[in-house]
N, C-alpha and C. Protein backbone atom coordinates (compact mmCIF):
# COMPACT_ATOMS: atom_id res chain seq x y z
N PRO A 1 14.19 -59.25 44.48
CA PRO A 1 14.22 -58.50 45.73
C PRO A 1 15.65 -58.13 46.11
N ALA A 2 15.79 -56.97 46.69
CA ALA A 2 17.11 -56.49 47.10
C ALA A 2 17.61 -57.28 48.30
N LYS A 3 18.91 -57.48 48.32
CA LYS A 3 19.53 -58.22 49.42
C LYS A 3 19.56 -57.33 50.66
N ASP A 4 19.17 -57.88 51.79
CA ASP A 4 19.23 -57.16 53.06
C ASP A 4 20.66 -57.19 53.55
N GLU A 5 21.31 -56.03 53.52
CA GLU A 5 22.72 -55.96 53.90
C GLU A 5 22.95 -56.22 55.39
N SER A 6 21.87 -56.17 56.19
CA SER A 6 22.05 -56.40 57.62
C SER A 6 22.17 -57.88 57.95
N LEU A 7 21.86 -58.77 56.98
CA LEU A 7 21.93 -60.20 57.25
C LEU A 7 23.37 -60.69 57.15
N CYS A 8 23.73 -61.55 58.05
CA CYS A 8 25.05 -62.18 58.02
C CYS A 8 24.93 -63.41 57.14
N THR A 9 25.58 -63.38 55.99
CA THR A 9 25.40 -64.47 55.04
C THR A 9 26.62 -65.35 54.89
N THR A 10 27.75 -64.97 55.43
CA THR A 10 28.95 -65.79 55.35
C THR A 10 29.59 -65.86 56.74
N PRO A 11 30.48 -66.84 56.95
CA PRO A 11 31.18 -66.88 58.24
C PRO A 11 31.94 -65.58 58.52
N HIS A 12 32.46 -64.94 57.47
CA HIS A 12 33.18 -63.67 57.66
C HIS A 12 32.22 -62.60 58.18
N ASP A 13 30.99 -62.55 57.60
CA ASP A 13 29.99 -61.58 58.07
C ASP A 13 29.64 -61.85 59.53
N VAL A 14 29.56 -63.12 59.89
CA VAL A 14 29.25 -63.48 61.28
C VAL A 14 30.35 -62.95 62.20
N CYS A 15 31.60 -63.12 61.79
CA CYS A 15 32.72 -62.63 62.61
C CYS A 15 32.67 -61.10 62.75
N LEU A 16 32.22 -60.43 61.71
CA LEU A 16 32.11 -58.97 61.78
C LEU A 16 31.03 -58.54 62.77
N SER A 17 30.12 -59.43 63.12
CA SER A 17 29.06 -59.08 64.07
C SER A 17 29.49 -59.31 65.52
N PHE A 18 30.68 -59.80 65.76
CA PHE A 18 31.15 -60.07 67.13
C PHE A 18 31.06 -58.84 68.04
N PRO A 19 31.44 -57.64 67.58
CA PRO A 19 31.32 -56.48 68.48
C PRO A 19 29.89 -56.27 68.98
N HIS A 20 28.91 -56.50 68.12
CA HIS A 20 27.51 -56.35 68.53
C HIS A 20 27.14 -57.43 69.54
N MET A 21 27.60 -58.66 69.31
CA MET A 21 27.30 -59.75 70.24
C MET A 21 27.99 -59.52 71.58
N TYR A 22 29.21 -58.98 71.55
CA TYR A 22 29.92 -58.72 72.80
C TYR A 22 29.20 -57.65 73.60
N ALA A 23 28.70 -56.64 72.91
CA ALA A 23 28.00 -55.54 73.58
C ALA A 23 26.69 -56.01 74.19
N CYS A 24 26.11 -57.05 73.65
CA CYS A 24 24.81 -57.56 74.13
C CYS A 24 25.01 -58.97 74.69
N ARG A 25 25.82 -59.07 75.72
CA ARG A 25 26.18 -60.38 76.27
C ARG A 25 25.00 -61.13 76.90
N GLN A 26 23.92 -60.41 77.24
CA GLN A 26 22.76 -61.07 77.82
C GLN A 26 22.12 -62.04 76.83
N ALA A 27 22.32 -61.80 75.55
CA ALA A 27 21.71 -62.65 74.52
C ALA A 27 22.63 -63.79 74.10
N ARG A 28 23.73 -63.97 74.81
CA ARG A 28 24.68 -65.03 74.44
C ARG A 28 23.98 -66.37 74.46
N GLY A 29 24.24 -67.16 73.45
CA GLY A 29 23.60 -68.45 73.31
C GLY A 29 22.45 -68.42 72.32
N LEU A 30 22.02 -67.24 71.95
CA LEU A 30 20.93 -67.10 71.00
C LEU A 30 21.43 -66.72 69.60
N GLU A 31 22.73 -66.80 69.40
CA GLU A 31 23.31 -66.38 68.12
C GLU A 31 22.67 -67.08 66.94
N THR A 32 22.41 -68.37 67.08
CA THR A 32 21.85 -69.11 65.95
C THR A 32 20.40 -68.71 65.68
N GLU A 33 19.76 -68.07 66.63
CA GLU A 33 18.40 -67.60 66.41
C GLU A 33 18.39 -66.20 65.80
N VAL A 34 19.48 -65.46 65.97
CA VAL A 34 19.55 -64.08 65.52
C VAL A 34 20.28 -63.95 64.19
N LEU A 35 21.31 -64.74 64.00
CA LEU A 35 22.13 -64.65 62.79
C LEU A 35 21.69 -65.70 61.78
N PRO A 36 21.13 -65.27 60.66
CA PRO A 36 20.57 -66.21 59.68
C PRO A 36 21.55 -67.29 59.21
N GLN A 37 22.81 -66.94 59.00
CA GLN A 37 23.75 -67.94 58.48
C GLN A 37 24.03 -69.00 59.54
N LEU A 38 24.19 -68.60 60.79
CA LEU A 38 24.40 -69.60 61.85
C LEU A 38 23.17 -70.48 62.01
N LYS A 39 22.00 -69.90 61.87
CA LYS A 39 20.77 -70.69 61.96
C LYS A 39 20.74 -71.72 60.83
N HIS A 40 21.17 -71.31 59.64
CA HIS A 40 21.23 -72.23 58.50
C HIS A 40 22.21 -73.37 58.78
N TYR A 41 23.40 -73.05 59.31
CA TYR A 41 24.39 -74.08 59.63
C TYR A 41 23.86 -75.06 60.67
N LYS A 42 23.15 -74.52 61.68
CA LYS A 42 22.60 -75.37 62.74
C LYS A 42 21.57 -76.34 62.17
N LYS A 43 20.69 -75.85 61.31
CA LYS A 43 19.67 -76.72 60.70
C LYS A 43 20.32 -77.76 59.80
N LYS A 44 21.32 -77.34 59.04
CA LYS A 44 22.02 -78.26 58.14
C LYS A 44 22.70 -79.37 58.95
N HIS A 45 23.29 -79.01 60.07
CA HIS A 45 23.94 -79.98 60.96
C HIS A 45 22.91 -80.98 61.49
N ARG A 46 21.80 -80.46 61.97
CA ARG A 46 20.76 -81.33 62.53
C ARG A 46 20.23 -82.30 61.47
N ARG A 47 19.97 -81.79 60.27
CA ARG A 47 19.46 -82.65 59.19
C ARG A 47 20.49 -83.73 58.81
N ALA A 48 21.77 -83.37 58.79
CA ALA A 48 22.82 -84.33 58.43
C ALA A 48 22.91 -85.45 59.45
N VAL A 49 22.83 -85.11 60.72
CA VAL A 49 22.92 -86.13 61.77
C VAL A 49 21.69 -87.04 61.73
N LEU A 50 20.52 -86.46 61.55
CA LEU A 50 19.30 -87.28 61.46
C LEU A 50 19.33 -88.18 60.23
N ALA A 51 19.85 -87.67 59.12
CA ALA A 51 19.96 -88.49 57.91
C ALA A 51 20.95 -89.63 58.14
N ALA A 52 22.05 -89.35 58.84
CA ALA A 52 23.04 -90.40 59.14
C ALA A 52 22.42 -91.46 60.04
N LEU A 53 21.64 -91.03 61.03
CA LEU A 53 20.96 -91.99 61.91
C LEU A 53 19.98 -92.84 61.12
N ASP A 54 19.26 -92.22 60.19
CA ASP A 54 18.33 -92.99 59.35
C ASP A 54 19.09 -93.99 58.50
N ALA A 55 20.27 -93.60 58.03
CA ALA A 55 21.06 -94.48 57.16
C ALA A 55 21.54 -95.73 57.89
N ILE A 56 21.76 -95.62 59.19
CA ILE A 56 22.27 -96.79 59.93
C ILE A 56 21.17 -97.50 60.72
N ALA A 57 19.95 -96.96 60.65
CA ALA A 57 18.86 -97.55 61.42
C ALA A 57 18.54 -98.96 60.93
N VAL A 58 18.03 -99.74 61.84
CA VAL A 58 17.63 -101.11 61.52
C VAL A 58 16.23 -101.07 60.95
N VAL A 59 16.04 -101.70 59.82
CA VAL A 59 14.70 -101.75 59.22
C VAL A 59 13.95 -102.90 59.86
N GLY A 60 12.81 -102.57 60.44
CA GLY A 60 12.02 -103.58 61.14
C GLY A 60 11.21 -104.43 60.18
N ASN A 61 10.53 -105.39 60.71
CA ASN A 61 9.69 -106.27 59.89
C ASN A 61 8.28 -105.69 59.81
N GLY A 62 8.11 -104.71 58.91
CA GLY A 62 6.81 -104.09 58.71
C GLY A 62 6.50 -102.95 59.66
N ASP A 63 7.34 -102.75 60.66
CA ASP A 63 7.10 -101.67 61.61
C ASP A 63 7.82 -100.38 61.23
N GLY A 64 8.49 -100.37 60.10
CA GLY A 64 9.24 -99.18 59.69
C GLY A 64 10.65 -99.20 60.25
N VAL A 65 11.25 -98.03 60.26
CA VAL A 65 12.64 -97.88 60.71
C VAL A 65 12.68 -97.85 62.23
N GLN A 66 13.61 -98.59 62.78
CA GLN A 66 13.78 -98.61 64.23
C GLN A 66 15.14 -98.03 64.59
N HIS A 67 15.13 -97.04 65.47
CA HIS A 67 16.38 -96.45 65.97
C HIS A 67 16.66 -97.08 67.32
N ASN A 68 17.42 -98.14 67.32
CA ASN A 68 17.75 -98.83 68.55
C ASN A 68 19.27 -98.85 68.70
N PRO A 69 19.80 -98.01 69.59
CA PRO A 69 21.25 -97.92 69.76
C PRO A 69 21.94 -99.25 70.06
N GLU A 70 21.20 -100.22 70.58
CA GLU A 70 21.80 -101.53 70.87
C GLU A 70 22.31 -102.20 69.60
N TYR A 71 21.71 -101.87 68.47
CA TYR A 71 22.08 -102.51 67.21
C TYR A 71 23.17 -101.76 66.44
N TYR A 72 23.55 -100.59 66.92
CA TYR A 72 24.56 -99.80 66.20
C TYR A 72 25.95 -100.34 66.51
N ASN A 73 26.71 -100.63 65.48
CA ASN A 73 28.09 -101.06 65.70
C ASN A 73 29.01 -99.84 65.68
N ALA A 74 30.26 -100.07 66.00
CA ALA A 74 31.22 -98.97 66.09
C ALA A 74 31.36 -98.24 64.76
N GLU A 75 31.33 -98.96 63.66
CA GLU A 75 31.46 -98.33 62.34
C GLU A 75 30.27 -97.41 62.06
N ALA A 76 29.09 -97.86 62.42
CA ALA A 76 27.89 -97.05 62.19
C ALA A 76 27.93 -95.78 63.04
N LEU A 77 28.32 -95.92 64.29
CA LEU A 77 28.41 -94.76 65.17
C LEU A 77 29.50 -93.79 64.71
N GLU A 78 30.58 -94.32 64.18
CA GLU A 78 31.65 -93.47 63.66
C GLU A 78 31.14 -92.67 62.46
N PHE A 79 30.28 -93.28 61.64
CA PHE A 79 29.69 -92.57 60.51
C PHE A 79 28.85 -91.38 60.99
N VAL A 80 28.03 -91.59 62.00
CA VAL A 80 27.21 -90.51 62.55
C VAL A 80 28.11 -89.42 63.13
N ARG A 81 29.14 -89.83 63.85
CA ARG A 81 30.08 -88.88 64.44
C ARG A 81 30.76 -88.05 63.36
N SER A 82 31.20 -88.70 62.29
CA SER A 82 31.90 -87.97 61.23
C SER A 82 30.97 -86.97 60.55
N GLN A 83 29.71 -87.35 60.37
CA GLN A 83 28.74 -86.43 59.77
C GLN A 83 28.50 -85.24 60.70
N SER A 84 28.41 -85.51 61.99
CA SER A 84 28.20 -84.45 62.96
C SER A 84 29.38 -83.47 62.94
N LEU A 85 30.59 -84.00 62.97
CA LEU A 85 31.78 -83.15 62.94
C LEU A 85 31.85 -82.34 61.65
N LYS A 86 31.56 -82.99 60.55
CA LYS A 86 31.63 -82.33 59.24
C LYS A 86 30.66 -81.15 59.16
N PHE A 87 29.44 -81.37 59.58
CA PHE A 87 28.42 -80.34 59.42
C PHE A 87 28.35 -79.34 60.58
N SER A 88 29.11 -79.56 61.64
CA SER A 88 29.14 -78.60 62.74
C SER A 88 30.38 -77.72 62.68
N ARG A 89 31.22 -77.94 61.68
CA ARG A 89 32.49 -77.23 61.58
C ARG A 89 32.31 -75.71 61.61
N ALA A 90 31.38 -75.18 60.83
CA ALA A 90 31.19 -73.73 60.74
C ALA A 90 30.80 -73.15 62.11
N CYS A 91 29.87 -73.80 62.79
CA CYS A 91 29.45 -73.29 64.10
C CYS A 91 30.56 -73.41 65.14
N ARG A 92 31.34 -74.50 65.06
CA ARG A 92 32.46 -74.64 65.99
C ARG A 92 33.51 -73.57 65.75
N LEU A 93 33.76 -73.24 64.48
CA LEU A 93 34.72 -72.20 64.14
C LEU A 93 34.25 -70.85 64.67
N VAL A 94 32.98 -70.52 64.47
CA VAL A 94 32.45 -69.26 64.97
C VAL A 94 32.53 -69.21 66.49
N ALA A 95 32.19 -70.32 67.16
CA ALA A 95 32.25 -70.35 68.62
C ALA A 95 33.68 -70.14 69.12
N THR A 96 34.64 -70.75 68.44
CA THR A 96 36.05 -70.57 68.82
C THR A 96 36.48 -69.13 68.64
N LYS A 97 36.14 -68.56 67.49
CA LYS A 97 36.52 -67.17 67.22
C LYS A 97 35.82 -66.21 68.17
N MET A 98 34.56 -66.51 68.51
CA MET A 98 33.83 -65.66 69.44
C MET A 98 34.48 -65.72 70.82
N GLY A 99 34.91 -66.91 71.22
CA GLY A 99 35.61 -67.04 72.50
C GLY A 99 36.91 -66.26 72.52
N GLU A 100 37.66 -66.32 71.43
CA GLU A 100 38.90 -65.55 71.33
C GLU A 100 38.61 -64.05 71.39
N TYR A 101 37.55 -63.62 70.72
CA TYR A 101 37.17 -62.20 70.74
C TYR A 101 36.79 -61.78 72.15
N ASP A 102 35.98 -62.61 72.83
CA ASP A 102 35.59 -62.31 74.20
C ASP A 102 36.81 -62.19 75.11
N HIS A 103 37.74 -63.12 74.96
CA HIS A 103 38.96 -63.09 75.78
C HIS A 103 39.73 -61.80 75.54
N PHE A 104 39.89 -61.43 74.28
CA PHE A 104 40.59 -60.19 73.94
C PHE A 104 39.89 -58.99 74.56
N CYS A 105 38.56 -58.91 74.40
CA CYS A 105 37.81 -57.76 74.93
C CYS A 105 37.85 -57.72 76.45
N ASN A 106 37.73 -58.87 77.09
CA ASN A 106 37.79 -58.90 78.56
C ASN A 106 39.15 -58.46 79.06
N THR A 107 40.21 -58.90 78.39
CA THR A 107 41.57 -58.50 78.76
C THR A 107 41.73 -57.00 78.59
N TYR A 108 41.25 -56.47 77.47
CA TYR A 108 41.34 -55.04 77.18
C TYR A 108 40.54 -54.24 78.20
N ASP A 109 39.29 -54.67 78.47
CA ASP A 109 38.45 -53.97 79.45
C ASP A 109 39.09 -53.98 80.82
N SER A 110 39.67 -55.10 81.22
CA SER A 110 40.32 -55.21 82.52
C SER A 110 41.53 -54.28 82.59
N HIS A 111 42.29 -54.22 81.52
CA HIS A 111 43.47 -53.35 81.47
C HIS A 111 43.06 -51.89 81.58
N GLU A 112 41.97 -51.50 80.92
CA GLU A 112 41.49 -50.12 80.99
C GLU A 112 41.02 -49.77 82.39
N ARG A 113 40.33 -50.72 83.06
CA ARG A 113 39.86 -50.46 84.42
C ARG A 113 41.04 -50.30 85.37
N ASP A 114 42.11 -51.07 85.16
CA ASP A 114 43.28 -50.99 86.03
C ASP A 114 43.97 -49.62 85.90
N GLU A 115 43.92 -49.03 84.70
CA GLU A 115 44.57 -47.75 84.46
C GLU A 115 43.75 -46.59 85.00
N ALA A 116 42.44 -46.80 85.19
CA ALA A 116 41.56 -45.69 85.64
C ALA A 116 41.73 -45.38 87.10
């Protein structure tokens, strides 16, 4: 099957879609639902954190895995945190760049209004 060129498949492609996202500010916050690559990153992040939680979970006596935060030590929680940071990097980068783009556009729009 032919590749759909309208899909954002890399972080660079996502950044190229910023003008469209800026123009449609009402949909802000739905980027991960609209942009396939961001949706993929979000799912990957969620799966990584859940897998990390499963890895540190206490195994019960015949009741299966128990997720009880009272039993998590600092090292275990740091492991979950590191996995979360590792797998959320792409989305955090896009959010930062999108914020910078918004700031630039708002400054430019404000400057144009002042000159009119």
